[in-house]
């Protein structure tokens, strides 16, 4: 990326101000910054504290992240019981991957009474919904979003609905192939699954396919096609695509630079609560891009 993605320290300051005023997305973003060392020294205790603040206020993504902290003992004392409690809250809010995490706990008996039947039920719910993967991209760096332990089981669960044309399952398989490191990682297959899901109208897949084209991941680099896919998803109201399209117009990536269009799409994303879109707008308005 360009200068818009370079000022990590500035984003920390900006998000801190927003978090202090109760912005849940900013609190969650700071959790990711401190967990991963984006623009700050990694500090797992601070990460968990920011996740906790947003989670207790009802932000589903933060509830899942806090559950992960308790499961792994990252910044908090490890507790399978508390992990299960927060996974339950996230699952109740529709976070598909929380079903998978809960299933994993019930299958192993970690923090909950071992219950293979309930585990199977939860795996089935995740597979039937197709909504098993979600992401929060910060500074263009994708978190893998896949925190359960058996990726092969996830593939097994998803292959049938994906083969039957489920765009959600196709998208999820693309995510697994593209974001999981190890034997399952395959950028080419990821792009193939994204194509299938995108052609079936999945906005998230359109956005990820745009990313594949932009960076040449698993497919020949073509920034014009990247911008086209971002635009398709942006017009469907997908905030991440609106953010990326706005940045394309700001930087002239695959399109002719256009300040007005950049602002238009970034405002669309910001209106949906995308704090990083707000940050980019602030930079654009100060003519720092």
Protein backbone atom coordinates (compact mmCIF):
# COMPACT_ATOMS: atom_id res chain seq x y z
CA UNK A 1 0.00 0.00 0.00
CA UNK A 2 1.00 3.67 0.06
CA UNK A 3 1.20 6.46 2.61
CA UNK A 4 -2.39 5.92 3.69
CA UNK A 5 -1.24 2.61 5.17
CA UNK A 6 2.08 3.77 6.52
CA UNK A 7 1.21 5.92 9.53
CA UNK A 8 0.65 3.14 12.05
CA UNK A 9 1.59 5.26 15.04
CA UNK A 10 -0.89 7.94 14.00
CA UNK A 11 -3.69 5.41 13.78
CA UNK A 12 -2.98 4.24 17.32
CA UNK A 13 -3.30 7.80 18.60
CA UNK A 14 -6.46 8.35 16.60
CA UNK A 15 -8.07 5.08 17.69
CA UNK A 16 -7.10 5.77 21.31
CA UNK A 17 -8.98 9.06 21.22
CA UNK A 18 -12.02 7.36 19.70
CA UNK A 19 -11.83 4.48 22.18
CA UNK A 20 -11.74 6.91 25.06
CA UNK A 21 -15.06 8.33 23.95
CA UNK A 22 -16.64 4.88 23.90
CA UNK A 23 -16.20 3.89 20.26
CA UNK A 24 -16.48 0.08 20.34
CA UNK A 25 -14.88 -0.45 16.94
CA UNK A 26 -11.90 1.66 18.02
CA UNK A 27 -11.57 -0.35 21.24
CA UNK A 28 -11.63 -3.56 19.23
CA UNK A 29 -9.11 -2.21 16.71
CA UNK A 30 -6.74 -1.25 19.53
CA UNK A 31 -7.07 -4.75 20.88
CA UNK A 32 -5.82 -6.06 17.54
CA UNK A 33 -3.05 -3.44 17.40
CA UNK A 34 -1.72 -4.37 20.83
CA UNK A 35 -2.14 -8.08 20.22
CA UNK A 36 -0.20 -8.00 16.95
CA UNK A 37 2.18 -5.09 17.54
CA UNK A 38 0.75 -2.82 14.85
CA UNK A 39 2.34 0.60 15.45
CA UNK A 40 2.93 -0.22 19.12
CA UNK A 41 4.90 -2.72 21.15
CA UNK A 42 2.82 -5.87 21.47
CA UNK A 43 1.07 -5.94 24.85
CA UNK A 44 -1.31 -8.84 25.37
CA UNK A 45 -2.72 -7.49 28.63
CA UNK A 46 -3.68 -4.21 26.96
CA UNK A 47 -5.10 -6.14 24.02
CA UNK A 48 -7.30 -8.20 26.30
CA UNK A 49 -8.39 -5.09 28.19
CA UNK A 50 -9.52 -3.35 25.00
CA UNK A 51 -11.29 -6.47 23.79
CA UNK A 52 -12.97 -6.76 27.18
CA UNK A 53 -14.23 -3.17 27.10
CA UNK A 54 -15.85 -3.65 23.70
CA UNK A 55 -17.07 -7.16 24.51
CA UNK A 56 -18.86 -6.07 27.67
CA UNK A 57 -20.59 -3.36 25.63
CA UNK A 58 -21.90 -5.99 23.21
CA UNK A 59 -19.52 -5.95 20.23
CA UNK A 60 -19.66 -9.51 18.88
CA UNK A 61 -16.22 -9.48 17.25
CA UNK A 62 -14.68 -8.38 20.54
CA UNK A 63 -16.58 -11.09 22.42
CA UNK A 64 -15.03 -13.67 20.14
CA UNK A 65 -11.57 -12.12 20.49
CA UNK A 66 -11.89 -12.09 24.28
CA UNK A 67 -12.93 -15.73 24.22
CA UNK A 68 -9.76 -16.47 22.29
CA UNK A 69 -7.72 -14.66 24.93
CA UNK A 70 -9.23 -16.80 27.69
CA UNK A 71 -8.84 -19.98 25.67
CA UNK A 72 -5.14 -19.39 25.05
CA UNK A 73 -4.24 -17.40 28.16
CA UNK A 74 -3.22 -14.39 26.12
CA UNK A 75 -3.17 -11.32 28.37
CA UNK A 76 -5.50 -12.99 30.88
CA UNK A 77 -5.41 -16.11 33.02
CA UNK A 78 -6.32 -19.11 30.88
CA UNK A 79 -9.87 -20.25 31.50
CA UNK A 80 -11.78 -22.68 29.32
CA UNK A 81 -14.94 -21.83 31.23
CA UNK A 82 -14.72 -18.12 30.52
CA UNK A 83 -13.72 -18.84 26.93
CA UNK A 84 -16.90 -20.89 26.52
CA UNK A 85 -19.01 -18.12 28.07
CA UNK A 86 -17.72 -15.53 25.62
CA UNK A 87 -17.95 -17.87 22.64
CA UNK A 88 -21.60 -18.41 23.62
CA UNK A 89 -22.22 -14.66 23.59
CA UNK A 90 -20.52 -14.26 20.21
CA UNK A 91 -22.43 -17.19 18.75
CA UNK A 92 -25.70 -15.67 19.98
CA UNK A 93 -24.80 -12.57 17.96
CA UNK A 94 -24.33 -14.67 14.83
CA UNK A 95 -20.53 -15.03 14.77
CA UNK A 96 -20.29 -18.27 12.82
CA UNK A 97 -16.76 -19.16 13.84
CA UNK A 98 -17.87 -19.05 17.48
CA UNK A 99 -20.02 -22.14 16.79
CA UNK A 100 -16.90 -23.91 15.60
CA UNK A 101 -14.89 -22.83 18.61
CA UNK A 102 -17.65 -24.00 20.95
CA UNK A 103 -17.90 -27.30 19.12
CA UNK A 104 -14.18 -27.76 19.61
CA UNK A 105 -14.53 -27.14 23.36
CA UNK A 106 -17.45 -29.56 23.74
CA UNK A 107 -15.60 -32.18 21.71
CA UNK A 108 -12.49 -31.93 23.90
CA UNK A 109 -14.21 -31.14 27.19
CA UNK A 110 -12.12 -28.02 27.71
CA UNK A 111 -13.88 -25.60 30.06
CA UNK A 112 -17.20 -27.40 29.59
CA UNK A 113 -18.49 -30.90 30.19
CA UNK A 114 -17.44 -33.10 27.31
CA UNK A 115 -20.43 -33.63 25.04
CA UNK A 116 -19.75 -35.16 21.59
CA UNK A 117 -23.44 -34.88 20.73
CA UNK A 118 -23.55 -31.16 21.37
CA UNK A 119 -20.26 -30.73 19.53
CA UNK A 120 -21.76 -32.46 16.48
CA UNK A 121 -24.83 -30.24 16.73
CA UNK A 122 -22.69 -27.10 16.80
CA UNK A 123 -20.56 -28.26 13.87
CA UNK A 124 -23.77 -28.89 11.95
CA UNK A 125 -25.11 -25.42 12.75
CA UNK A 126 -21.91 -23.84 11.50
CA UNK A 127 -21.92 -25.90 8.32
CA UNK A 128 -25.60 -25.31 7.59
CA UNK A 129 -25.31 -21.57 8.08
CA UNK A 130 -22.21 -21.40 5.92
CA UNK A 131 -21.25 -18.32 7.91
CA UNK A 132 -18.23 -19.88 9.59
CA UNK A 133 -15.59 -17.31 8.81
CA UNK A 134 -15.42 -13.59 9.37
CA UNK A 135 -12.60 -11.02 9.24
CA UNK A 136 -11.69 -7.64 10.51
CA UNK A 137 -8.95 -6.12 8.35
CA UNK A 138 -6.72 -3.58 9.97
CA UNK A 139 -4.27 -1.62 7.82
CA UNK A 140 -4.77 -4.07 5.00
CA UNK A 141 -3.33 -6.92 7.04
CA UNK A 142 -5.87 -9.77 7.24
CA UNK A 143 -6.18 -11.71 10.45
CA UNK A 144 -6.89 -15.34 9.71
CA UNK A 145 -10.14 -15.36 11.71
CA UNK A 146 -9.85 -19.15 12.04
CA UNK A 147 -9.11 -19.99 15.63
CA UNK A 148 -10.46 -23.50 16.08
CA UNK A 149 -8.00 -26.35 16.00
CA UNK A 150 -9.13 -28.66 13.20
CA UNK A 151 -9.08 -26.95 9.81
CA UNK A 152 -9.41 -30.28 8.01
CA UNK A 153 -12.72 -30.83 9.78
CA UNK A 154 -13.86 -27.39 8.63
CA UNK A 155 -13.01 -28.29 5.03
CA UNK A 156 -14.91 -31.54 5.38
CA UNK A 157 -17.96 -29.69 6.70
CA UNK A 158 -17.86 -27.08 3.95
CA UNK A 159 -17.13 -29.14 0.85
CA UNK A 160 -20.68 -30.49 0.44
CA UNK A 161 -22.53 -27.16 0.64
CA UNK A 162 -19.79 -25.53 -1.47
CA UNK A 163 -20.17 -28.19 -4.18
CA UNK A 164 -23.93 -27.64 -4.04
CA UNK A 165 -23.41 -23.97 -4.85
CA UNK A 166 -23.48 -22.32 -1.41
CA UNK A 167 -21.59 -19.02 -1.86
CA UNK A 168 -20.99 -18.78 1.90
CA UNK A 169 -19.33 -22.20 1.96
CA UNK A 170 -17.35 -21.40 -1.19
CA UNK A 171 -16.16 -18.18 0.40
CA UNK A 172 -15.20 -19.97 3.61
CA UNK A 173 -13.13 -22.53 1.69
CA UNK A 174 -11.40 -19.68 -0.10
CA UNK A 175 -10.58 -18.15 3.24
CA UNK A 176 -9.18 -21.41 4.60
CA UNK A 177 -7.01 -21.95 1.53
CA UNK A 178 -5.83 -18.36 1.52
CA UNK A 179 -5.40 -17.55 5.19
CA UNK A 180 -4.42 -20.76 6.97
CA UNK A 181 -0.71 -21.49 6.91
CA UNK A 182 0.36 -25.08 6.54
CA UNK A 183 -0.67 -27.94 4.32
CA UNK A 184 -4.05 -26.39 3.49
CA UNK A 185 -2.61 -23.09 2.32
CA UNK A 186 -3.01 -22.66 -1.43
CA UNK A 187 -3.45 -19.20 -2.93
CA UNK A 188 -4.52 -20.58 -6.30
CA UNK A 189 -7.33 -22.66 -4.78
CA UNK A 190 -8.32 -19.71 -2.61
CA UNK A 191 -8.73 -17.54 -5.70
CA UNK A 192 -10.72 -20.29 -7.43
CA UNK A 193 -13.16 -20.51 -4.52
CA UNK A 194 -13.44 -16.74 -4.33
CA UNK A 195 -14.30 -16.65 -8.04
CA UNK A 196 -17.10 -19.20 -7.53
CA UNK A 197 -18.52 -17.37 -4.53
CA UNK A 198 -18.14 -13.94 -6.16
CA UNK A 199 -19.94 -15.10 -9.28
CA UNK A 200 -22.70 -16.32 -6.96
CA UNK A 201 -23.07 -12.82 -5.56
CA UNK A 202 -21.06 -13.08 -2.32
CA UNK A 203 -19.84 -9.58 -1.47
CA UNK A 204 -17.10 -10.80 0.87
CA UNK A 205 -15.75 -13.07 -1.85
CA UNK A 206 -15.86 -10.22 -4.36
CA UNK A 207 -13.75 -8.20 -1.96
CA UNK A 208 -11.26 -11.00 -1.35
CA UNK A 209 -11.05 -11.69 -5.07
CA UNK A 210 -10.29 -8.03 -5.58
CA UNK A 211 -7.47 -8.43 -3.07
CA UNK A 212 -6.14 -11.43 -4.97
CA UNK A 213 -6.05 -9.41 -8.18
CA UNK A 214 -4.55 -6.38 -6.47
CA UNK A 215 -1.66 -8.33 -4.96
CA UNK A 216 -1.32 -11.16 -7.49
CA UNK A 217 -2.17 -13.80 -4.90
CA UNK A 218 -3.05 -17.06 -6.66
CA UNK A 219 -4.00 -15.21 -9.80
CA UNK A 220 -2.32 -12.87 -12.29
CA UNK A 221 -2.06 -9.37 -10.85
CA UNK A 222 -4.54 -6.98 -12.41
CA UNK A 223 -5.32 -3.84 -10.42
CA UNK A 224 -8.08 -2.79 -12.80
CA UNK A 225 -9.92 -6.07 -12.15
CA UNK A 226 -9.26 -5.60 -8.45
CA UNK A 227 -10.97 -2.21 -8.48
CA UNK A 228 -13.85 -3.65 -10.53
CA UNK A 229 -14.51 -6.37 -7.97
CA UNK A 230 -14.22 -3.91 -5.10
CA UNK A 231 -16.79 -1.74 -6.85
CA UNK A 232 -19.21 -4.63 -7.32
CA UNK A 233 -19.07 -5.43 -3.62
CA UNK A 234 -19.11 -1.78 -2.61
CA UNK A 235 -22.34 -1.25 -4.53
CA UNK A 236 -23.84 -4.14 -2.57
CA UNK A 237 -23.10 -2.16 0.58
CA UNK A 238 -20.09 -4.15 1.80
CA UNK A 239 -18.09 -1.79 4.02
CA UNK A 240 -14.68 -3.41 3.54
CA UNK A 241 -15.05 -3.14 -0.23
CA UNK A 242 -16.12 0.49 0.08
CA UNK A 243 -13.00 1.15 2.13
CA UNK A 244 -10.73 -0.56 -0.38
CA UNK A 245 -12.39 1.14 -3.35
CA UNK A 246 -12.02 4.50 -1.68
CA UNK A 247 -8.32 3.80 -1.19
CA UNK A 248 -8.02 2.74 -4.84
CA UNK A 249 -9.40 6.11 -5.92
CA UNK A 250 -7.15 7.91 -3.46
CA UNK A 251 -4.04 6.15 -4.74
CA UNK A 252 -4.96 5.58 -8.37
CA UNK A 253 -4.83 1.80 -7.99
CA UNK A 254 -6.58 0.29 -11.00
CA UNK A 255 -8.52 3.48 -11.54
CA UNK A 256 -7.79 7.11 -12.31
CA UNK A 257 -7.10 9.02 -9.07
CA UNK A 258 -10.26 10.80 -8.04
CA UNK A 259 -10.45 12.64 -4.72
CA UNK A 260 -14.24 13.05 -4.81
CA UNK A 261 -14.86 9.36 -5.46
CA UNK A 262 -12.35 8.41 -2.79
CA UNK A 263 -14.21 10.54 -0.26
CA UNK A 264 -17.58 9.21 -1.46
CA UNK A 265 -16.70 5.57 -0.89
CA UNK A 266 -14.79 6.15 2.33
CA UNK A 267 -17.79 8.05 3.71
CA UNK A 268 -19.99 5.08 2.77
CA UNK A 269 -17.72 2.75 4.76
CA UNK A 270 -17.43 5.18 7.66
CA UNK A 271 -21.21 5.44 7.85
CA UNK A 272 -21.25 1.72 8.58
CA UNK A 273 -18.93 2.19 11.52
CA UNK A 274 -15.60 1.50 9.80
CA UNK A 275 -13.17 3.44 11.98
CA UNK A 276 -10.28 3.03 9.57
CA UNK A 277 -12.39 4.60 6.81
CA UNK A 278 -12.88 7.56 9.14
CA UNK A 279 -9.15 7.73 9.66
CA UNK A 280 -8.49 7.71 5.90
CA UNK A 281 -11.08 10.44 5.41
CA UNK A 282 -9.28 12.53 7.97
CA UNK A 283 -6.04 12.09 6.03
CA UNK A 284 -7.72 12.89 2.71
CA UNK A 285 -9.36 15.99 4.11
CA UNK A 286 -5.97 17.18 5.31
CA UNK A 287 -4.58 16.37 1.84
CA UNK A 288 -1.88 14.07 3.28
CA UNK A 289 -2.38 11.19 0.86
